[in-house]
Amino acid sequence: MRSEKVFSVRGDAELIERAGHFFESTRSEFLCAARDLDTWAQPAARTALSSRVRGSAPAGFTSSKLLSPVALADEGARAHLRQVRREGTLVRISGSLLPHETILIDRRVMILAGRDAPGGREYTVTTSKSLIDGVHSLWEAIWAGAADFDTYLRGDVPHLDTDSRTVLEALGSGLTDASAARRLGVSLRTYRRRVAELMTTLEADSRFQAGLRAGELGLPR
């Protein structure tokens, strides 16, 4: 079945069985785009596939990971990314919407991960040059606009005035909008306007993202 240009597998075991040889044959480039670190294979399978890449990669090999900010939600994930960077992997963080996972190997193989399901996640594997070239072009465009891992974490901290910092603390307290407004001595409308302004400053699409972004920037919550 290796001559197929497009085929699907179900679950990590079948992915390793039918597509593992692609990882072992990696020669120049391994690219991975994902929303977070838990979007596709289970840890055992992910380690097995990564080991195949590391074990076969020659000198000059490039490994790159493109992730969304949610991948930095906990310190364990950040520690893992720091480790893979020490091992030579390039890591960038993008605010663009990313799929569950897309892997590109030497611009000759592409693996797309679907949603997790009771019967196992479905993976689509292709060696179609036209499909791979199209996705690779998208990868390059998003990669060019993404921030380096350290730059993202240590980037310029947005200036928050006293009112904004107070609103940020209120958001982190878990209070309802009405309760937070009373605590701050402002109207509900004013409080919500300040929350919206804070989200704009932090470049967040939701209050949850605002909390994550504040943590990444080292701002008190």
C-alpha atoms as a PDB file:
ATOM      1  CA  MET A   1       0.000   0.000   0.000  1.00  0.00           C
ATOM      2  CA  ARG A   2       3.030   2.298   0.010  1.00  0.00           C
ATOM      3  CA  SER A   3       2.387   3.326  -3.605  1.00  0.00           C
ATOM      4  CA  GLU A   4      -0.886   5.050  -2.638  1.00  0.00           C
ATOM      5  CA  LYS A   5      -0.806   8.829  -3.007  1.00  0.00           C
ATOM      6  CA  VAL A   6      -3.477   9.302  -0.323  1.00  0.00           C
ATOM      7  CA  PHE A   7      -4.600   6.870   2.354  1.00  0.00           C
ATOM      8  CA  SER A   8      -6.131   7.004   5.817  1.00  0.00           C
ATOM      9  CA  VAL A   9      -5.290   5.110   8.992  1.00  0.00           C
ATOM     10  CA  ARG A  10      -7.125   4.870  12.283  1.00  0.00           C
ATOM     11  CA  GLY A  11      -5.297   5.117  15.595  1.00  0.00           C
ATOM     12  CA  ASP A  12      -1.669   5.452  16.626  1.00  0.00           C
ATOM     13  CA  ALA A  13      -0.744   1.796  16.135  1.00  0.00           C
ATOM     14  CA  GLU A  14      -1.844   1.802  12.505  1.00  0.00           C
ATOM     15  CA  LEU A  15      -0.111   5.136  11.954  1.00  0.00           C
ATOM     16  CA  ILE A  16       3.204   3.670  13.122  1.00  0.00           C
ATOM     17  CA  GLU A  17       2.658   0.461  11.164  1.00  0.00           C
ATOM     18  CA  ARG A  18       1.793   2.078   7.839  1.00  0.00           C
ATOM     19  CA  ALA A  19       3.527   5.440   7.997  1.00  0.00           C
ATOM     20  CA  GLY A  20       6.431   4.873  10.399  1.00  0.00           C
ATOM     21  CA  HIS A  21       8.824   4.245   7.518  1.00  0.00           C
ATOM     22  CA  PHE A  22       8.286   7.816   6.330  1.00  0.00           C
ATOM     23  CA  PHE A  23       9.688   9.103   9.628  1.00  0.00           C
ATOM     24  CA  GLU A  24      12.685   6.786   9.352  1.00  0.00           C
ATOM     25  CA  SER A  25      13.442   8.033   5.835  1.00  0.00           C
ATOM     26  CA  THR A  26      13.532  11.705   6.864  1.00  0.00           C
ATOM     27  CA  ARG A  27      16.575  13.351   5.333  1.00  0.00           C
ATOM     28  CA  SER A  28      16.379  17.143   5.293  1.00  0.00           C
ATOM     29  CA  GLU A  29      13.271  18.646   6.877  1.00  0.00           C
ATOM     30  CA  PHE A  30      10.590  17.778   9.416  1.00  0.00           C
ATOM     31  CA  LEU A  31       7.849  20.376   9.920  1.00  0.00           C
ATOM     32  CA  CYS A  32       4.997  20.164  12.391  1.00  0.00           C
ATOM     33  CA  ALA A  33       2.113  22.612  12.880  1.00  0.00           C
ATOM     34  CA  ALA A  34      -0.362  22.047  15.710  1.00  0.00           C
ATOM     35  CA  ARG A  35      -2.670  23.883  18.076  1.00  0.00           C
ATOM     36  CA  ASP A  36      -1.075  22.330  21.160  1.00  0.00           C
ATOM     37  CA  LEU A  37       1.055  19.405  22.322  1.00  0.00           C
ATOM     38  CA  ASP A  38      -1.832  16.960  22.767  1.00  0.00           C
ATOM     39  CA  THR A  39      -3.499  17.133  19.383  1.00  0.00           C
ATOM     40  CA  TRP A  40      -2.593  13.860  17.768  1.00  0.00           C
ATOM     41  CA  ALA A  41      -0.640  10.768  18.845  1.00  0.00           C
ATOM     42  CA  GLN A  42      -0.611   9.537  22.421  1.00  0.00           C
ATOM     43  CA  PRO A  43       2.731  10.059  24.235  1.00  0.00           C
ATOM     44  CA  ALA A  44       4.055   6.539  23.562  1.00  0.00           C
ATOM     45  CA  ALA A  45       3.383   6.773  19.829  1.00  0.00           C
ATOM     46  CA  ARG A  46       4.675  10.337  19.630  1.00  0.00           C
ATOM     47  CA  THR A  47       7.921   9.298  21.330  1.00  0.00           C
ATOM     48  CA  ALA A  48       8.322   6.299  19.016  1.00  0.00           C
ATOM     49  CA  LEU A  49       7.883   8.410  15.894  1.00  0.00           C
ATOM     50  CA  SER A  50      10.144  11.193  17.177  1.00  0.00           C
ATOM     51  CA  SER A  51      12.832   8.628  17.975  1.00  0.00           C
ATOM     52  CA  ARG A  52      12.686   7.400  14.389  1.00  0.00           C
ATOM     53  CA  VAL A  53      13.285  10.933  13.160  1.00  0.00           C
ATOM     54  CA  ARG A  54      16.173  11.579  15.545  1.00  0.00           C
ATOM     55  CA  GLY A  55      17.726   8.210  14.798  1.00  0.00           C
ATOM     56  CA  SER A  56      17.729   8.694  11.034  1.00  0.00           C
ATOM     57  CA  ALA A  57      18.337  12.411  10.590  1.00  0.00           C
ATOM     58  CA  PRO A  58      21.648  13.287   8.895  1.00  0.00           C
ATOM     59  CA  ALA A  59      23.777  16.416   9.317  1.00  0.00           C
ATOM     60  CA  GLY A  60      22.008  19.538   8.122  1.00  0.00           C
ATOM     61  CA  PHE A  61      18.595  18.201   9.107  1.00  0.00           C
ATOM     62  CA  THR A  62      16.012  20.834  10.138  1.00  0.00           C
ATOM     63  CA  SER A  63      13.153  20.222  12.582  1.00  0.00           C
ATOM     64  CA  SER A  64      10.549  22.944  13.137  1.00  0.00           C
ATOM     65  CA  LYS A  65       7.413  23.221  15.279  1.00  0.00           C
ATOM     66  CA  LEU A  66       4.703  25.824  14.737  1.00  0.00           C
ATOM     67  CA  LEU A  67       2.240  26.093  17.620  1.00  0.00           C
ATOM     68  CA  SER A  68      -0.609  28.270  18.845  1.00  0.00           C
ATOM     69  CA  PRO A  69      -0.378  30.182  22.156  1.00  0.00           C
ATOM     70  CA  VAL A  70      -2.563  27.591  23.902  1.00  0.00           C
ATOM     71  CA  ALA A  71       0.407  25.199  23.672  1.00  0.00           C
ATOM     72  CA  LEU A  72       2.046  27.364  26.351  1.00  0.00           C
ATOM     73  CA  ALA A  73      -0.857  27.062  28.772  1.00  0.00           C
ATOM     74  CA  ASP A  74       1.081  25.164  31.429  1.00  0.00           C
ATOM     75  CA  GLU A  75       4.658  25.058  32.628  1.00  0.00           C
ATOM     76  CA  GLY A  76       5.031  21.382  31.697  1.00  0.00           C
ATOM     77  CA  ALA A  77       4.415  22.202  28.038  1.00  0.00           C
ATOM     78  CA  ARG A  78       6.841  25.095  28.160  1.00  0.00           C
ATOM     79  CA  ALA A  79       9.505  22.890  29.744  1.00  0.00           C
ATOM     80  CA  HIS A  80       9.013  20.318  26.976  1.00  0.00           C
ATOM     81  CA  LEU A  81       9.394  22.980  24.292  1.00  0.00           C
ATOM     82  CA  ARG A  82      12.539  24.328  25.950  1.00  0.00           C
ATOM     83  CA  GLN A  83      13.963  20.808  25.856  1.00  0.00           C
ATOM     84  CA  VAL A  84      13.196  20.201  22.176  1.00  0.00           C
ATOM     85  CA  ARG A  85      14.767  23.584  21.409  1.00  0.00           C
ATOM     86  CA  ARG A  86      17.931  22.515  23.223  1.00  0.00           C
ATOM     87  CA  GLU A  87      17.908  19.418  21.009  1.00  0.00           C
ATOM     88  CA  GLY A  88      17.892  21.617  17.915  1.00  0.00           C
ATOM     89  CA  THR A  89      14.218  22.020  17.001  1.00  0.00           C
ATOM     90  CA  LEU A  90      13.075  25.475  15.925  1.00  0.00           C
ATOM     91  CA  VAL A  91       9.878  26.583  17.690  1.00  0.00           C
ATOM     92  CA  ARG A  92       7.617  29.478  16.775  1.00  0.00           C
ATOM     93  CA  ILE A  93       4.261  30.624  18.147  1.00  0.00           C
ATOM     94  CA  SER A  94       1.531  31.860  15.815  1.00  0.00           C
ATOM     95  CA  GLY A  95      -1.771  33.561  16.501  1.00  0.00           C
ATOM     96  CA  SER A  96      -3.208  32.043  13.296  1.00  0.00           C
ATOM     97  CA  LEU A  97      -5.742  29.246  13.518  1.00  0.00           C
ATOM     98  CA  LEU A  98      -3.874  25.959  13.278  1.00  0.00           C
ATOM     99  CA  PRO A  99      -5.203  22.440  12.582  1.00  0.00           C
ATOM    100  CA  HIS A 100      -5.117  19.494  14.976  1.00  0.00           C
ATOM    101  CA  GLU A 101      -1.760  18.619  13.463  1.00  0.00           C
ATOM    102  CA  THR A 102      -0.008  18.768  10.120  1.00  0.00           C
ATOM    103  CA  ILE A 103       3.342  17.100   9.519  1.00  0.00           C
ATOM    104  CA  LEU A 104       5.491  17.646   6.439  1.00  0.00           C
ATOM    105  CA  ILE A 105       8.508  15.420   5.803  1.00  0.00           C
ATOM    106  CA  ASP A 106      11.082  16.488   3.209  1.00  0.00           C
ATOM    107  CA  ARG A 107       8.278  18.053   1.113  1.00  0.00           C
ATOM    108  CA  ARG A 108       7.405  14.541  -0.065  1.00  0.00           C
ATOM    109  CA  VAL A 109       5.069  13.252   2.655  1.00  0.00           C
ATOM    110  CA  MET A 110       2.260  14.963   4.561  1.00  0.00           C
ATOM    111  CA  ILE A 111       0.285  13.622   7.524  1.00  0.00           C
ATOM    112  CA  LEU A 112      -2.909  15.324   8.696  1.00  0.00           C
ATOM    113  CA  ALA A 113      -4.478  14.431  12.036  1.00  0.00           C
ATOM    114  CA  GLY A 114      -8.227  14.503  12.598  1.00  0.00           C
ATOM    115  CA  ARG A 115     -10.183  14.882  15.801  1.00  0.00           C
ATOM    116  CA  ASP A 116      -9.798  12.333  18.564  1.00  0.00           C
ATOM    117  CA  ALA A 117     -12.506   9.671  18.493  1.00  0.00           C
ATOM    118  CA  PRO A 118     -13.464   6.560  20.507  1.00  0.00           C
ATOM    119  CA  GLY A 119     -12.066   4.295  17.789  1.00  0.00           C
ATOM    120  CA  GLY A 120      -8.851   6.270  17.569  1.00  0.00           C
ATOM    121  CA  ARG A 121      -7.857   9.416  15.725  1.00  0.00           C
ATOM    122  CA  GLU A 122      -7.932   9.269  11.936  1.00  0.00           C
ATOM    123  CA  TYR A 123      -4.801  10.280  10.040  1.00  0.00           C
ATOM    124  CA  THR A 124      -4.637  11.112   6.353  1.00  0.00           C
ATOM    125  CA  VAL A 125      -1.287  10.392   4.737  1.00  0.00           C
ATOM    126  CA  THR A 126      -0.365  11.646   1.277  1.00  0.00           C
ATOM    127  CA  THR A 127       2.602  11.774  -1.083  1.00  0.00           C
ATOM    128  CA  SER A 128       0.732  13.929  -3.613  1.00  0.00           C
ATOM    129  CA  LYS A 129       3.163  16.654  -4.701  1.00  0.00           C
ATOM    130  CA  SER A 130       0.446  19.191  -5.502  1.00  0.00           C
ATOM    131  CA  LEU A 131      -1.200  18.798  -2.089  1.00  0.00           C
ATOM    132  CA  ILE A 132       2.100  18.925  -0.250  1.00  0.00           C
ATOM    133  CA  ASP A 133       3.373  21.969  -2.164  1.00  0.00           C
ATOM    134  CA  GLY A 134       0.140  23.839  -1.430  1.00  0.00           C
ATOM    135  CA  VAL A 135       0.253  23.161   2.299  1.00  0.00           C
ATOM    136  CA  HIS A 136       3.991  23.860   2.409  1.00  0.00           C
ATOM    137  CA  SER A 137       3.375  27.315   0.941  1.00  0.00           C
ATOM    138  CA  LEU A 138       0.792  27.999   3.659  1.00  0.00           C
ATOM    139  CA  TRP A 139       3.265  26.760   6.266  1.00  0.00           C
ATOM    140  CA  GLU A 140       5.956  29.147   5.051  1.00  0.00           C
ATOM    141  CA  ALA A 141       3.564  32.115   5.128  1.00  0.00           C
ATOM    142  CA  ILE A 142       2.411  31.399   8.678  1.00  0.00           C
ATOM    143  CA  TRP A 143       5.952  30.586   9.863  1.00  0.00           C
ATOM    144  CA  ALA A 144       7.245  33.904   8.522  1.00  0.00           C
ATOM    145  CA  GLY A 145       4.680  35.816  10.579  1.00  0.00           C
ATOM    146  CA  ALA A 146       5.080  33.771  13.758  1.00  0.00           C
ATOM    147  CA  ALA A 147       7.189  34.746  16.773  1.00  0.00           C
ATOM    148  CA  ASP A 148      10.209  32.853  18.037  1.00  0.00           C
ATOM    149  CA  PHE A 149       9.436  30.888  21.209  1.00  0.00           C
ATOM    150  CA  ASP A 150      11.630  33.015  23.488  1.00  0.00           C
ATOM    151  CA  THR A 151      10.626  36.241  21.778  1.00  0.00           C
ATOM    152  CA  TYR A 152       6.975  35.410  22.315  1.00  0.00           C
ATOM    153  CA  LEU A 153       7.471  34.677  26.007  1.00  0.00           C
ATOM    154  CA  ARG A 154       9.808  37.585  26.655  1.00  0.00           C
ATOM    155  CA  GLY A 155       8.340  40.032  24.156  1.00  0.00           C
ATOM    156  CA  ASP A 156       7.578  43.608  24.918  1.00  0.00           C
ATOM    157  CA  VAL A 157       5.082  43.653  27.756  1.00  0.00           C
ATOM    158  CA  PRO A 158       2.047  45.773  26.866  1.00  0.00           C
ATOM    159  CA  HIS A 159       1.679  48.830  29.049  1.00  0.00           C
ATOM    160  CA  LEU A 160      -1.201  48.365  31.453  1.00  0.00           C
ATOM    161  CA  ASP A 161      -2.335  51.322  33.487  1.00  0.00           C
ATOM    162  CA  THR A 162      -3.667  50.964  37.020  1.00  0.00           C
ATOM    163  CA  ASP A 163      -7.271  50.510  35.844  1.00  0.00           C
ATOM    164  CA  SER A 164      -6.290  47.762  33.385  1.00  0.00           C
ATOM    165  CA  ARG A 165      -4.268  45.877  35.988  1.00  0.00           C
ATOM    166  CA  THR A 166      -7.169  46.095  38.413  1.00  0.00           C
ATOM    167  CA  VAL A 167      -9.523  44.679  35.769  1.00  0.00           C
ATOM    168  CA  LEU A 168      -7.027  41.886  35.032  1.00  0.00           C
ATOM    169  CA  GLU A 169      -6.920  40.974  38.722  1.00  0.00           C
ATOM    170  CA  ALA A 170     -10.730  41.001  38.835  1.00  0.00           C
ATOM    171  CA  LEU A 171     -10.885  38.631  35.857  1.00  0.00           C
ATOM    172  CA  GLY A 172      -8.510  36.256  37.599  1.00  0.00           C
ATOM    173  CA  SER A 173     -10.565  36.300  40.811  1.00  0.00           C
ATOM    174  CA  GLY A 174     -13.481  34.464  39.210  1.00  0.00           C
ATOM    175  CA  LEU A 175     -16.005  37.137  40.167  1.00  0.00           C
ATOM    176  CA  THR A 176     -19.051  37.759  38.026  1.00  0.00           C
ATOM    177  CA  ASP A 177     -19.023  40.975  36.016  1.00  0.00           C
ATOM    178  CA  ALA A 178     -21.561  42.517  38.360  1.00  0.00           C
ATOM    179  CA  SER A 179     -19.563  41.615  41.470  1.00  0.00           C
ATOM    180  CA  ALA A 180     -16.301  42.789  39.909  1.00  0.00           C
ATOM    181  CA  ALA A 181     -17.901  46.104  38.912  1.00  0.00           C
ATOM    182  CA  ARG A 182     -19.135  46.642  42.464  1.00  0.00           C
ATOM    183  CA  ARG A 183     -15.711  45.829  43.874  1.00  0.00           C
ATOM    184  CA  LEU A 184     -14.085  48.363  41.550  1.00  0.00           C
ATOM    185  CA  GLY A 185     -16.764  50.956  42.187  1.00  0.00           C
ATOM    186  CA  VAL A 186     -17.779  51.338  38.544  1.00  0.00           C
ATOM    187  CA  SER A 187     -20.892  50.596  36.536  1.00  0.00           C
ATOM    188  CA  LEU A 188     -21.345  47.230  34.881  1.00  0.00           C
ATOM    189  CA  ARG A 189     -21.147  48.924  31.478  1.00  0.00           C
ATOM    190  CA  THR A 190     -17.867  50.632  32.372  1.00  0.00           C
ATOM    191  CA  TYR A 191     -16.375  47.407  33.690  1.00  0.00           C
ATOM    192  CA  ARG A 192     -17.256  45.496  30.527  1.00  0.00           C
ATOM    193  CA  ARG A 193     -15.823  48.297  28.384  1.00  0.00           C
ATOM    194  CA  ARG A 194     -12.555  48.076  30.338  1.00  0.00           C
ATOM    195  CA  VAL A 195     -12.487  44.297  29.890  1.00  0.00           C
ATOM    196  CA  ALA A 196     -12.898  44.751  26.123  1.00  0.00           C
ATOM    197  CA  GLU A 197     -10.099  47.337  26.079  1.00  0.00           C
ATOM    198  CA  LEU A 198      -7.843  45.010  28.076  1.00  0.00           C
ATOM    199  CA  MET A 199      -8.463  42.139  25.640  1.00  0.00           C
ATOM    200  CA  THR A 200      -7.520  44.423  22.752  1.00  0.00           C
ATOM    201  CA  THR A 201      -4.311  45.457  24.500  1.00  0.00           C
ATOM    202  CA  LEU A 202      -3.371  41.823  25.157  1.00  0.00           C
ATOM    203  CA  GLU A 203      -4.388  40.788  21.611  1.00  0.00           C
ATOM    204  CA  ALA A 204      -6.776  38.206  23.051  1.00  0.00           C
ATOM    205  CA  ASP A 205      -9.984  36.928  21.456  1.00  0.00           C
ATOM    206  CA  SER A 206     -11.501  35.776  24.748  1.00  0.00           C
ATOM    207  CA  ARG A 207     -11.159  36.333  28.468  1.00  0.00           C
ATOM    208  CA  PHE A 208      -9.499  32.937  28.766  1.00  0.00           C
ATOM    209  CA  GLN A 209      -6.893  33.928  26.166  1.00  0.00           C
ATOM    210  CA  ALA A 210      -6.378  37.207  28.007  1.00  0.00           C
ATOM    211  CA  GLY A 211      -5.495  35.221  31.130  1.00  0.00           C
ATOM    212  CA  LEU A 212      -3.081  33.015  29.189  1.00  0.00           C
ATOM    213  CA  ARG A 213      -1.455  35.995  27.522  1.00  0.00           C
ATOM    214  CA  ALA A 214      -1.068  37.770  30.860  1.00  0.00           C
ATOM    215  CA  GLY A 215       0.665  34.714  32.288  1.00  0.00           C
ATOM    216  CA  GLU A 216       2.996  34.450  29.292  1.00  0.00           C
ATOM    217  CA  LEU A 217       3.975  38.093  29.688  1.00  0.00           C
ATOM    218  CA  GLY A 218       4.515  37.762  33.422  1.00  0.00           C
ATOM    219  CA  LEU A 219       1.716  40.163  34.271  1.00  0.00           C
ATOM    220  CA  PRO A 220       0.034  39.777  37.692  1.00  0.00           C
ATOM    221  CA  ARG A 221      -3.456  38.251  37.635  1.00  0.00           C
END
